Amino acid sequence: MALGLPTLALAQPSPCDDLDSTFTFSLVGGNTVVFQPNTLNNQWTYFWEFGDGTSDFGPIITHQYPGPTLFQACLTVWAWDPFTQDTCFATSCQLVDLIGQGMPCDSTFSAQITWFDQGSNIIVFQGSTNLNADGYIWQFGDGALGYGMSTQHFYQQPGVYPVCLDAWYWNTGTQDSCWTSTCLQVVVGGGGSVCDSIPLQADFAAAVNGNLVQFTDQSLTSGYGATYLWDLGDGTTSVQPAFLHQYAQSGTYQVCLTIAIGPNGGADSCFATHCELVTIGSTGPCDSLDAGFTAVGGPGVNFANSTIDLSWSYSWDFGDGTSGVGPNPFHTFALPGVYQVCLTVSTWDPFTQDTCFATSCQLVDLLGLGDPCDSLQACFVPSVAGPQAFFFNNCSSSPDPFNTQFLWDFGDGTSSTQFAPIHTFPPGVWDVCLTTSWQNCVDSLCLTITATGGAPCDSSFVATFGVTLNGNVATFSASSGGQANGYLWDFGDGTQGGGQLVNHVYPPGGPYNACLQAWYWNGTDTCWTVPACQPVGPFSQNNPCDDLDSTFTFN
């Protein structure tokens, strides 16, 4: 008697198992963002949606946003699965926050001077700042200048000299330099004052809320009691260490604090002065609080906030006994009716140390909606993603989008239940149908598409580039004969970029070996060029004094 043996099916790895759509992004100045997937695979296709109504294909993309606000960027990655004979997808999204880019100079930026008498009229100076500085300029009081965080200077004659330190850093948001200055008296050649041996540094903090400013002394007095004289820049003064001041007009004011201490019982007076620019007229976080919203649809309603701020809290009362949190919710009402929907927005005000609120309410009329099935409509728009591949953009409408099912019949014996699939066809003419269903409602739409045959990669596909230098900024321009879908740059300093025309700021050093690869989609695969490379640099440390120009004309 023959025995029947069971048949064993061995699982094989699928290319879809490792599909990864996660990504990172970096701000490179202004509203320009570089997007890069966490995983690069030449067998995958990358499709970016930037959240501002635009999109692009390619692994690494540089995108210019229209303005400083909040966008949701999404990356969809797909690949062909030979086992299921279909396309698999992975999608991930992130919020890109451009609010606050291009911030002005930090008003707390300050510098300090320490000096040591080496004898023989030689003074060693040491500078320091509370923020990272890019450069230091010394004025020694005798007409000479010096540079660097530490320096020394030989004075020709003994005496008392006013020494000033100007420090600066580069603000990448405004593409300009930010400066601070501090000065003190240096006694050269013996004798001098008792103040020379006492560390004394004037400093203060200014917290702005509208036209109201809280000034607080933060000076170093080495344990001595101090007196204060404030010049608030608007013609008023104060002698208090901490106080509130109301400015009459918005604007930028130079505020100076002079402190005095009297060692030896007041026989000697030591002074120090610190000045800062204070900008008046900025608003507190509660001033822009906005609870406005719009409501569209029914019985499933999309609520859209007038303003989205990640520092705010959103609390919804839908008027049917239910509630929700967060911006832009979707809510399905169980029965027709007129509902009063209210949104309360709140945030923390650090100046008042309290929470502020804004609330708005609207009537949402869901009477007379008619048959809910009337609002279920199948809709899609096919677009070519390659000679035999098509992307089907789903534009269907539904009273309840989150509970609507979609069934695609591609006409070639395959189907899909994805929302917006990409499908690769055999060459030919095919009738593609989309059927949407929600509860007992069904609607369908069919369109005809033509799929042409694929082609191998073009062996003559090459990439070249040119580069121009302006200081430490290199401008790269790529060329590939016009058929490239994207460009991948390796700048040679450990960073990468994307785009046909890119700017890159190099650190001092080099030269760096910059390389370019271009790619295009031939319908079945991504085709890459051989890397084109050339040296760039070397680069030196920029000095803001290099371009100083004191020439003038007169009539």
Protein backbone atom coordinates (compact mmCIF):
# COMPACT_ATOMS: atom_id res chain seq x y z
CA MET A 1 0.00 0.00 0.00
CA ALA A 2 1.45 3.38 -1.03
CA LEU A 3 1.68 6.09 1.62
CA GLY A 4 0.82 9.70 0.69
CA LEU A 5 3.48 12.22 1.87
CA PRO A 6 2.50 15.83 2.71
CA THR A 7 3.79 18.59 0.45
CA LEU A 8 5.88 21.25 2.26
CA ALA A 9 5.82 24.86 1.03
CA LEU A 10 9.03 26.74 1.93
CA ALA A 11 8.64 30.47 2.54
CA GLN A 12 10.93 32.69 0.50
CA PRO A 13 11.98 36.19 1.50
CA SER A 14 10.05 38.96 -0.23
CA PRO A 15 11.67 42.23 -1.37
CA CYS A 16 8.79 43.97 0.39
CA ASP A 17 9.89 42.70 3.82
CA ASP A 18 12.67 45.31 4.11
CA LEU A 19 10.77 48.22 2.54
CA ASP A 20 11.63 51.33 4.59
CA SER A 21 9.98 54.73 4.06
CA THR A 22 11.42 56.50 7.12
CA PHE A 23 13.48 59.59 6.41
CA THR A 24 15.34 62.54 7.88
CA PHE A 25 15.46 66.18 6.83
CA SER A 26 17.71 69.14 7.54
CA LEU A 27 17.28 72.89 7.17
CA VAL A 28 20.02 74.44 5.03
CA GLY A 29 19.02 78.11 5.28
CA GLY A 30 15.88 80.17 4.86
CA ASN A 31 13.01 77.86 3.84
CA THR A 32 15.20 75.29 2.02
CA VAL A 33 15.04 71.69 3.29
CA VAL A 34 17.07 68.63 2.23
CA PHE A 35 15.16 65.31 2.50
CA GLN A 36 16.99 61.97 2.65
CA PRO A 37 15.60 58.44 3.20
CA ASN A 38 17.12 56.36 5.98
CA THR A 39 17.62 53.49 3.52
CA LEU A 40 18.90 53.84 -0.06
CA ASN A 41 18.09 50.97 -2.44
CA ASN A 42 18.46 51.17 -6.23
CA GLN A 43 15.56 48.71 -6.62
CA TRP A 44 13.10 51.04 -4.89
CA THR A 45 11.22 54.08 -6.20
CA TYR A 46 10.94 57.16 -3.96
CA PHE A 47 7.98 59.58 -4.19
CA TRP A 48 7.93 62.72 -2.01
CA GLU A 49 4.90 64.89 -1.13
CA PHE A 50 6.10 68.09 0.54
CA GLY A 51 2.79 69.26 2.03
CA ASP A 52 2.72 72.52 0.06
CA GLY A 53 0.95 71.08 -3.00
CA THR A 54 4.15 69.94 -4.75
CA SER A 55 5.87 66.55 -5.10
CA ASP A 56 8.98 64.97 -6.60
CA PHE A 57 10.64 61.61 -7.35
CA GLY A 58 14.11 60.52 -6.26
CA PRO A 59 16.01 59.36 -3.17
CA ILE A 60 17.54 62.66 -1.99
CA ILE A 61 15.69 65.91 -2.72
CA THR A 62 16.33 69.58 -1.94
CA HIS A 63 13.05 71.51 -1.69
CA GLN A 64 12.33 75.24 -1.36
CA TYR A 65 9.15 75.94 0.66
CA PRO A 66 7.05 79.04 -0.11
CA GLY A 67 7.19 80.50 3.38
CA PRO A 68 7.98 79.91 7.07
CA THR A 69 5.09 77.80 8.36
CA LEU A 70 4.25 74.17 9.25
CA PHE A 71 4.13 71.45 6.55
CA GLN A 72 3.54 67.67 6.61
CA ALA A 73 6.05 65.95 4.31
CA CYS A 74 5.47 62.30 3.27
CA LEU A 75 7.68 59.71 1.58
CA THR A 76 6.16 56.74 -0.29
CA VAL A 77 8.55 53.93 -1.26
CA TRP A 78 7.53 51.09 -3.57
CA ALA A 79 9.08 47.99 -5.11
CA TRP A 80 7.99 45.09 -7.34
CA ASP A 81 7.25 41.80 -5.55
CA PRO A 82 7.89 38.91 -8.00
CA PHE A 83 6.14 36.44 -5.69
CA THR A 84 2.80 38.29 -5.52
CA GLN A 85 3.28 39.84 -8.99
CA ASP A 86 2.28 43.22 -7.61
CA THR A 87 3.75 46.43 -6.24
CA CYS A 88 4.24 46.88 -2.49
CA PHE A 89 4.34 50.23 -0.70
CA ALA A 90 5.45 51.89 2.53
CA THR A 91 4.64 55.46 3.55
CA SER A 92 5.74 57.66 6.44
CA CYS A 93 5.17 61.35 7.22
CA GLN A 94 6.80 64.02 9.38
CA LEU A 95 5.97 67.60 10.30
CA VAL A 96 8.45 70.14 8.89
CA ASP A 97 8.43 73.18 11.19
CA LEU A 98 9.81 76.28 9.44
CA ILE A 99 8.25 78.67 11.94
CA GLY A 100 10.96 80.81 13.51
CA GLN A 101 13.54 80.38 10.72
CA GLY A 102 15.52 83.51 10.08
CA MET A 103 15.45 84.60 13.75
CA PRO A 104 17.16 87.93 14.58
CA CYS A 105 20.36 88.20 16.58
CA ASP A 106 20.24 86.86 20.14
CA SER A 107 19.83 89.87 22.44
CA THR A 108 21.65 88.02 25.27
CA PHE A 109 24.91 87.81 23.27
CA SER A 110 27.64 89.44 25.40
CA ALA A 111 31.43 89.52 25.75
CA GLN A 112 33.88 89.79 28.67
CA ILE A 113 37.54 90.87 28.93
CA THR A 114 40.21 89.49 31.27
CA TRP A 115 43.73 91.02 31.20
CA PHE A 116 47.10 90.33 32.80
CA ASP A 117 50.06 92.73 33.20
CA GLN A 118 53.24 90.93 32.08
CA GLY A 119 55.49 93.91 32.84
CA SER A 120 57.54 96.01 30.41
CA ASN A 121 54.28 97.56 29.09
CA ILE A 122 53.10 94.13 27.77
CA ILE A 123 49.44 93.22 28.48
CA VAL A 124 47.89 89.79 27.77
CA PHE A 125 44.17 89.93 26.90
CA GLN A 126 41.67 87.04 27.08
CA GLY A 127 38.17 87.37 25.61
CA SER A 128 35.08 85.24 26.29
CA THR A 129 31.42 85.22 25.23
CA ASN A 130 28.26 83.61 26.61
CA LEU A 131 27.44 82.28 23.09
CA ASN A 132 29.79 80.66 20.57
CA ALA A 133 31.55 83.47 18.69
CA ASP A 134 33.08 83.24 15.21
CA GLY A 135 35.51 86.13 15.59
CA TYR A 136 37.04 88.69 17.98
CA ILE A 137 38.40 92.19 17.22
CA TRP A 138 40.43 94.13 19.83
CA GLN A 139 40.87 97.92 20.03
CA PHE A 140 43.80 98.54 22.39
CA GLY A 141 43.13 102.26 22.92
CA ASP A 142 46.37 103.42 21.30
CA GLY A 143 45.17 103.13 17.68
CA ALA A 144 46.26 99.50 17.25
CA LEU A 145 44.00 96.50 16.56
CA GLY A 146 44.23 92.78 17.35
CA TYR A 147 42.32 89.61 16.53
CA GLY A 148 41.47 86.29 18.17
CA MET A 149 40.06 85.13 21.49
CA SER A 150 43.42 85.73 23.23
CA THR A 151 46.20 88.14 22.26
CA GLN A 152 48.93 90.33 23.74
CA HIS A 153 49.90 93.93 23.06
CA PHE A 154 52.97 96.11 23.69
CA TYR A 155 52.22 99.72 24.62
CA GLN A 156 54.81 102.37 23.65
CA GLN A 157 54.03 104.57 26.67
CA PRO A 158 52.66 103.98 30.18
CA GLY A 159 49.16 105.27 30.82
CA VAL A 160 45.46 104.40 31.11
CA TYR A 161 43.96 103.03 27.89
CA PRO A 162 40.31 102.25 26.99
CA VAL A 163 40.38 98.67 25.62
CA CYS A 164 37.33 97.36 23.72
CA LEU A 165 36.47 93.86 22.49
CA ASP A 166 34.03 93.38 19.57
CA ALA A 167 32.80 89.77 19.15
CA TRP A 168 30.59 88.41 16.36
CA TYR A 169 28.90 85.25 15.15
CA TRP A 170 27.27 84.33 11.82
CA ASN A 171 23.45 84.10 11.84
CA THR A 172 22.55 81.47 9.23
CA GLY A 173 18.86 82.40 9.43
CA THR A 174 19.36 86.05 8.44
CA GLN A 175 22.63 85.45 6.52
CA ASP A 176 24.27 88.29 8.44
CA SER A 177 26.66 88.77 11.37
CA CYS A 178 25.60 89.53 14.97
CA TRP A 179 27.85 91.74 17.15
CA THR A 180 28.42 92.63 20.79
CA SER A 181 30.97 94.98 22.42
CA THR A 182 32.45 95.57 25.85
CA CYS A 183 35.11 98.02 27.08
CA LEU A 184 37.24 98.62 30.17
CA GLN A 185 40.16 100.78 31.33
CA VAL A 186 43.65 99.21 31.40
CA VAL A 187 46.47 100.79 33.42
CA VAL A 188 49.89 100.26 31.79
CA GLY A 189 53.30 101.00 33.35
CA GLY A 190 52.91 100.56 37.12
CA GLY A 191 50.82 102.38 39.71
CA GLY A 192 47.24 102.27 38.52
CA SER A 193 44.04 101.92 40.49
CA VAL A 194 42.82 99.41 43.07
CA CYS A 195 40.02 98.66 40.59
CA ASP A 196 42.51 96.93 38.30
CA SER A 197 42.67 93.93 40.65
CA ILE A 198 38.89 93.58 41.10
CA PRO A 199 36.87 91.53 38.55
CA LEU A 200 33.95 93.80 37.67
CA GLN A 201 31.54 93.05 34.79
CA ALA A 202 28.24 94.81 34.04
CA ASP A 203 25.48 92.63 32.59
CA PHE A 204 21.69 92.39 32.58
CA ALA A 205 18.74 90.40 31.21
CA ALA A 206 15.75 91.88 29.35
CA ALA A 207 12.47 89.90 29.06
CA VAL A 208 10.18 91.53 26.46
CA ASN A 209 6.38 91.15 26.40
CA GLY A 210 4.81 93.58 23.94
CA ASN A 211 5.95 97.07 24.99
CA LEU A 212 6.63 95.96 28.59
CA VAL A 213 10.18 94.89 29.55
CA GLN A 214 11.46 93.26 32.74
CA PHE A 215 15.07 94.41 33.31
CA THR A 216 17.17 92.39 35.79
CA ASP A 217 20.77 93.09 36.82
CA GLN A 218 23.15 90.13 36.33
CA SER A 219 26.45 91.94 36.94
CA LEU A 220 29.61 90.51 38.52
CA THR A 221 30.57 92.76 41.47
CA SER A 222 32.99 90.44 43.35
CA GLY A 223 30.95 90.72 46.54
CA TYR A 224 30.94 94.53 46.74
CA GLY A 225 27.74 96.50 47.09
CA ALA A 226 26.91 98.25 43.83
CA THR A 227 24.97 101.25 42.66
CA TYR A 228 23.16 101.22 39.32
CA LEU A 229 22.43 103.72 36.59
CA TRP A 230 20.28 102.56 33.65
CA ASP A 231 19.94 104.49 30.39
CA LEU A 232 16.83 102.95 28.80
CA GLY A 233 17.36 104.51 25.37
CA ASP A 234 14.07 106.43 25.33
CA GLY A 235 15.19 109.38 27.47
CA THR A 236 14.39 107.71 30.81
CA THR A 237 16.70 106.28 33.49
CA SER A 238 16.52 104.08 36.58
CA VAL A 239 18.70 103.33 39.63
CA GLN A 240 17.04 100.01 40.60
CA PRO A 241 18.72 96.59 40.13
CA ALA A 242 15.47 95.09 38.73
CA PHE A 243 12.29 96.77 37.48
CA LEU A 244 9.53 96.82 34.83
CA HIS A 245 9.56 99.53 32.14
CA GLN A 246 6.78 100.42 29.68
CA TYR A 247 7.99 101.82 26.33
CA ALA A 248 5.65 104.28 24.62
CA GLN A 249 6.60 103.26 21.07
CA SER A 250 7.72 100.09 19.34
CA GLY A 251 11.28 100.07 18.02
CA THR A 252 14.86 99.11 18.83
CA TYR A 253 16.50 100.85 21.81
CA GLN A 254 20.11 100.79 23.06
CA VAL A 255 19.91 100.11 26.80
CA CYS A 256 23.05 100.67 28.91
CA LEU A 257 23.70 99.68 32.54
CA THR A 258 26.59 101.33 34.44
CA ILE A 259 27.48 99.81 37.81
CA ALA A 260 29.78 101.36 40.42
CA ILE A 261 31.45 99.81 43.46
CA GLY A 262 33.48 101.62 46.15
CA PRO A 263 36.30 99.51 47.60
CA ASN A 264 38.40 100.93 50.47
CA GLY A 265 35.32 102.45 52.05
CA GLY A 266 34.44 104.40 48.94
CA ALA A 267 37.79 106.13 48.57
CA ASP A 268 38.01 104.66 45.06
CA SER A 269 35.11 104.14 42.66
CA CYS A 270 35.22 101.38 40.05
CA PHE A 271 32.86 101.43 37.07
CA ALA A 272 31.71 98.99 34.38
CA THR A 273 29.18 99.53 31.60
CA HIS A 274 27.26 97.08 29.42
CA CYS A 275 24.94 97.99 26.49
CA GLU A 276 22.46 95.90 24.48
CA LEU A 277 19.92 96.53 21.73
CA VAL A 278 16.38 95.72 22.94
CA THR A 279 13.61 95.34 20.35
CA ILE A 280 10.15 96.43 21.54
CA GLY A 281 6.84 95.48 19.97
CA SER A 282 7.14 91.69 19.82
CA THR A 283 4.03 89.84 20.98
CA GLY A 284 3.51 87.27 23.70
CA PRO A 285 2.35 83.71 22.91
CA CYS A 286 -1.23 84.54 23.91
CA ASP A 287 -1.59 87.43 21.46
CA SER A 288 -1.75 85.14 18.41
CA LEU A 289 -4.00 82.48 19.96
CA ASP A 290 -6.62 81.55 17.32
CA ALA A 291 -9.54 79.14 17.84
CA GLY A 292 -11.13 79.65 14.42
CA PHE A 293 -12.05 76.60 12.32
CA THR A 294 -14.09 75.45 9.31
CA ALA A 295 -16.31 72.36 8.97
CA VAL A 296 -16.85 70.52 5.67
CA GLY A 297 -18.88 67.38 4.90
CA GLY A 298 -21.53 65.31 6.58
CA PRO A 299 -22.37 63.05 8.32
CA GLY A 300 -18.57 62.63 8.41
CA VAL A 301 -17.17 66.15 8.95
CA ASN A 302 -13.61 67.40 8.41
CA PHE A 303 -12.70 70.16 10.87
CA ALA A 304 -9.80 72.39 9.72
CA ASN A 305 -8.11 74.83 12.10
CA SER A 306 -7.45 78.40 10.95
CA THR A 307 -4.00 78.22 12.59
CA ILE A 308 -1.89 75.22 13.64
CA ASP A 309 0.81 75.75 16.30
CA LEU A 310 2.51 72.74 17.89
CA SER A 311 2.86 74.64 21.18
CA TRP A 312 -0.94 74.95 21.50
CA SER A 313 -3.44 72.43 22.93
CA TYR A 314 -6.70 71.78 21.04
CA SER A 315 -9.88 70.56 22.78
CA TRP A 316 -13.10 69.88 20.80
CA ASP A 317 -16.73 69.57 21.96
CA PHE A 318 -18.71 68.15 19.00
CA GLY A 319 -22.12 68.92 20.54
CA ASP A 320 -23.33 65.30 20.38
CA GLY A 321 -21.93 64.25 23.75
CA THR A 322 -18.48 63.39 22.39
CA SER A 323 -15.18 65.27 22.41
CA GLY A 324 -11.74 65.16 20.82
CA VAL A 325 -8.25 66.63 20.99
CA GLY A 326 -5.68 67.81 18.45
CA PRO A 327 -5.82 69.93 15.29
CA ASN A 328 -7.87 69.06 12.16
CA PRO A 329 -9.99 66.14 13.50
CA PHE A 330 -12.51 64.07 11.50
CA HIS A 331 -15.80 63.25 13.27
CA THR A 332 -18.82 61.22 12.17
CA PHE A 333 -22.19 62.28 13.60
CA ALA A 334 -24.57 59.35 14.22
CA LEU A 335 -27.82 61.21 13.43
CA PRO A 336 -28.92 64.20 11.30
CA GLY A 337 -29.36 67.43 13.22
CA VAL A 338 -27.87 70.83 14.05
CA TYR A 339 -24.87 70.60 16.39
CA GLN A 340 -22.98 73.38 18.19
CA VAL A 341 -19.29 72.49 17.86
CA CYS A 342 -16.80 74.37 20.05
CA LEU A 343 -13.00 74.51 19.93
CA THR A 344 -10.89 75.68 22.88
CA VAL A 345 -7.21 76.46 22.23
CA SER A 346 -4.77 77.01 25.12
CA THR A 347 -1.07 77.70 25.63
CA TRP A 348 1.33 78.62 28.45
CA ASP A 349 2.48 82.23 28.83
CA PRO A 350 5.94 82.20 30.48
CA PHE A 351 5.79 85.94 31.19
CA THR A 352 2.56 85.86 33.22
CA GLN A 353 3.22 82.27 34.42
CA ASP A 354 -0.36 81.32 33.55
CA THR A 355 -2.38 79.53 30.85
CA CYS A 356 -4.35 81.57 28.31
CA PHE A 357 -7.39 80.34 26.35
CA ALA A 358 -9.36 81.14 23.19
CA THR A 359 -12.72 79.54 22.33
CA SER A 360 -14.97 79.69 19.27
CA CYS A 361 -18.21 77.85 18.43
CA GLN A 362 -20.10 77.15 15.19
CA LEU A 363 -23.41 75.52 14.29
CA VAL A 364 -22.89 72.48 12.04
CA ASP A 365 -26.12 71.83 10.08
CA LEU A 366 -26.51 68.17 9.11
CA LEU A 367 -30.25 68.39 8.28
CA GLY A 368 -31.45 67.75 4.72
CA LEU A 369 -28.37 65.80 3.65
CA GLY A 370 -30.49 63.41 1.54
CA ASP A 371 -29.31 59.88 0.74
CA PRO A 372 -25.76 59.43 2.18
CA CYS A 373 -24.97 57.18 -0.82
CA ASP A 374 -25.26 60.23 -3.09
CA SER A 375 -21.99 61.57 -1.65
CA LEU A 376 -20.08 58.33 -2.41
CA GLN A 377 -18.37 58.79 -5.79
CA ALA A 378 -15.54 56.73 -7.25
CA CYS A 379 -12.82 58.83 -8.86
CA PHE A 380 -9.23 58.26 -9.93
CA VAL A 381 -6.64 59.81 -12.23
CA PRO A 382 -3.94 57.57 -13.78
CA SER A 383 -0.46 58.96 -14.42
CA VAL A 384 2.57 57.31 -16.00
CA ALA A 385 5.25 56.17 -13.53
CA GLY A 386 7.26 54.35 -16.24
CA PRO A 387 6.74 52.72 -19.65
CA GLN A 388 4.60 49.94 -18.08
CA ALA A 389 3.91 51.39 -14.62
CA PHE A 390 1.01 53.66 -13.65
CA PHE A 391 0.23 55.58 -10.47
CA PHE A 392 -3.52 55.76 -9.71
CA ASN A 393 -4.35 58.92 -7.74
CA ASN A 394 -7.54 58.25 -5.77
CA CYS A 395 -9.83 61.33 -5.81
CA SER A 396 -12.97 59.53 -4.58
CA SER A 397 -15.38 61.31 -2.21
CA SER A 398 -17.15 59.62 0.70
CA PRO A 399 -19.27 60.62 3.72
CA ASP A 400 -16.86 58.56 5.87
CA PRO A 401 -13.40 58.31 4.23
CA PHE A 402 -11.81 56.31 7.05
CA ASN A 403 -14.36 53.47 6.77
CA THR A 404 -14.62 53.35 2.96
CA GLN A 405 -13.24 50.30 1.10
CA PHE A 406 -11.53 50.45 -2.30
CA LEU A 407 -11.17 47.56 -4.79
CA TRP A 408 -9.05 47.97 -7.93
CA ASP A 409 -9.42 45.63 -10.93
CA PHE A 410 -6.45 46.28 -13.23
CA GLY A 411 -7.92 44.22 -16.09
CA ASP A 412 -4.83 42.00 -16.37
CA GLY A 413 -6.06 39.44 -13.83
CA THR A 414 -4.69 41.28 -10.79
CA SER A 415 -6.34 43.52 -8.19
CA SER A 416 -5.54 45.68 -5.17
CA THR A 417 -7.27 47.14 -2.10
CA GLN A 418 -4.78 49.97 -1.57
CA PHE A 419 -5.99 53.57 -1.51
CA ALA A 420 -3.71 54.84 -4.31
CA PRO A 421 -1.72 51.97 -5.83
CA ILE A 422 1.06 51.87 -8.41
CA HIS A 423 0.80 48.91 -10.77
CA THR A 424 3.08 47.54 -13.49
CA PHE A 425 1.21 46.10 -16.51
CA PRO A 426 2.24 43.74 -19.29
CA PRO A 427 2.37 45.64 -22.61
CA GLY A 428 -1.14 46.22 -23.96
CA VAL A 429 -4.44 48.09 -23.52
CA TRP A 430 -6.24 47.52 -20.20
CA ASP A 431 -9.56 48.54 -18.63
CA VAL A 432 -8.92 49.61 -15.02
CA CYS A 433 -11.92 49.78 -12.66
CA LEU A 434 -12.22 51.22 -9.13
CA THR A 435 -15.14 50.13 -6.91
CA THR A 436 -15.76 52.11 -3.69
CA SER A 437 -18.06 50.80 -0.95
CA TRP A 438 -19.29 52.22 2.34
CA GLN A 439 -21.94 50.45 4.42
CA ASN A 440 -24.63 49.59 1.79
CA CYS A 441 -23.41 52.17 -0.75
CA VAL A 442 -21.37 51.22 -3.86
CA ASP A 443 -20.00 53.26 -6.78
CA SER A 444 -17.62 52.33 -9.64
CA LEU A 445 -15.53 53.99 -12.34
CA CYS A 446 -13.58 52.40 -15.25
CA LEU A 447 -10.89 53.96 -17.45
CA THR A 448 -8.70 52.57 -20.27
CA ILE A 449 -4.88 52.81 -20.15
CA THR A 450 -2.15 51.73 -22.59
CA ALA A 451 1.08 50.18 -21.25
CA THR A 452 4.15 50.17 -23.51
CA GLY A 453 7.23 47.92 -23.20
CA GLY A 454 10.22 48.71 -21.00
CA ALA A 455 13.80 49.38 -22.04
CA PRO A 456 17.28 48.69 -20.57
CA CYS A 457 19.39 51.45 -19.04
CA ASP A 458 21.06 53.77 -21.58
CA SER A 459 24.80 53.05 -21.49
CA SER A 460 25.52 56.57 -22.79
CA PHE A 461 23.80 58.17 -19.77
CA VAL A 462 26.53 60.23 -18.04
CA ALA A 463 26.63 63.15 -15.61
CA THR A 464 28.95 66.15 -15.50
CA PHE A 465 29.05 69.22 -13.31
CA GLY A 466 30.64 72.62 -12.92
CA VAL A 467 31.48 74.48 -9.73
CA THR A 468 32.03 78.16 -8.87
CA LEU A 469 33.44 79.41 -5.56
CA ASN A 470 32.57 82.49 -3.50
CA GLY A 471 34.55 82.35 -0.27
CA ASN A 472 33.64 79.09 1.44
CA VAL A 473 30.40 78.73 -0.61
CA ALA A 474 30.56 76.37 -3.60
CA THR A 475 27.78 76.48 -6.24
CA PHE A 476 27.39 73.16 -8.09
CA SER A 477 25.55 72.86 -11.44
CA ALA A 478 24.77 69.36 -12.79
CA SER A 479 24.13 68.25 -16.39
CA SER A 480 23.14 64.84 -17.77
CA GLY A 481 21.72 65.37 -21.25
CA GLY A 482 18.21 66.20 -20.07
CA GLN A 483 16.88 62.73 -19.17
CA ALA A 484 17.76 62.63 -15.45
CA ASN A 485 15.01 62.42 -12.80
CA GLY A 486 17.34 63.34 -9.94
CA TYR A 487 20.88 64.06 -8.79
CA LEU A 488 22.86 62.79 -5.75
CA TRP A 489 25.86 64.83 -4.52
CA ASP A 490 28.69 63.71 -2.22
CA PHE A 491 30.48 66.93 -1.23
CA GLY A 492 33.56 65.11 0.10
CA ASP A 493 33.33 66.60 3.62
CA GLY A 494 31.00 63.90 4.97
CA THR A 495 27.75 65.52 3.76
CA GLN A 496 25.42 64.83 0.83
CA GLY A 497 22.78 66.77 -1.11
CA GLY A 498 20.31 66.55 -3.97
CA GLY A 499 19.16 68.72 -6.87
CA GLN A 500 20.51 69.99 -10.18
CA LEU A 501 21.71 73.35 -8.77
CA VAL A 502 22.91 73.37 -5.15
CA ASN A 503 24.94 75.62 -2.86
CA HIS A 504 27.20 74.12 -0.19
CA VAL A 505 29.20 75.83 2.57
CA TYR A 506 32.55 74.09 3.16
CA PRO A 507 34.46 74.12 6.45
CA PRO A 508 38.04 75.41 6.38
CA GLY A 509 40.51 72.90 4.92
CA GLY A 510 40.52 70.69 1.85
CA PRO A 511 40.67 70.31 -1.04
CA TYR A 512 37.55 68.08 -0.96
CA ASN A 513 36.69 65.42 -3.58
CA ALA A 514 33.12 66.26 -4.72
CA CYS A 515 31.22 63.58 -6.67
CA LEU A 516 27.92 63.53 -8.62
CA GLN A 517 25.59 60.69 -9.67
CA ALA A 518 22.45 61.19 -11.77
CA TRP A 519 19.54 58.74 -12.12
CA TYR A 520 16.39 58.21 -14.15
CA TRP A 521 13.51 55.70 -14.15
CA ASN A 522 13.28 53.56 -17.29
CA GLY A 523 9.93 51.98 -16.40
CA THR A 524 11.28 48.88 -14.70
CA ASP A 525 14.36 50.02 -12.81
CA THR A 526 16.39 53.03 -11.63
CA CYS A 527 19.38 53.77 -13.91
CA TRP A 528 22.46 55.44 -12.33
CA THR A 529 25.49 57.12 -13.88
CA VAL A 530 29.09 56.35 -13.00
CA PRO A 531 30.18 58.89 -10.33
CA ALA A 532 31.78 62.06 -11.75
CA CYS A 533 34.29 63.59 -9.31
CA GLN A 534 36.62 66.59 -9.08
CA PRO A 535 38.56 68.33 -6.27
CA VAL A 536 37.12 71.52 -4.73
CA GLY A 537 39.04 73.92 -2.48
CA PRO A 538 41.03 74.38 -0.32
CA PHE A 539 39.07 76.81 1.89
CA SER A 540 40.23 79.23 4.58
CA GLN A 541 38.58 80.77 7.61
CA ASN A 542 36.67 83.91 6.60
CA ASN A 543 37.50 87.15 8.41
CA PRO A 544 34.76 89.84 8.47
CA CYS A 545 37.48 92.48 8.13
CA ASP A 546 38.64 91.20 4.72
CA ASP A 547 35.97 93.22 2.91
CA LEU A 548 36.12 96.38 5.05
CA ASP A 549 36.25 99.49 2.80
CA SER A 550 36.88 102.99 4.16
CA THR A 551 37.17 104.81 0.80
CA PHE A 552 34.78 107.70 0.09
CA THR A 553 33.95 110.42 -2.42
CA PHE A 554 32.94 114.05 -1.99
CA ASN A 555 31.36 116.77 -4.17
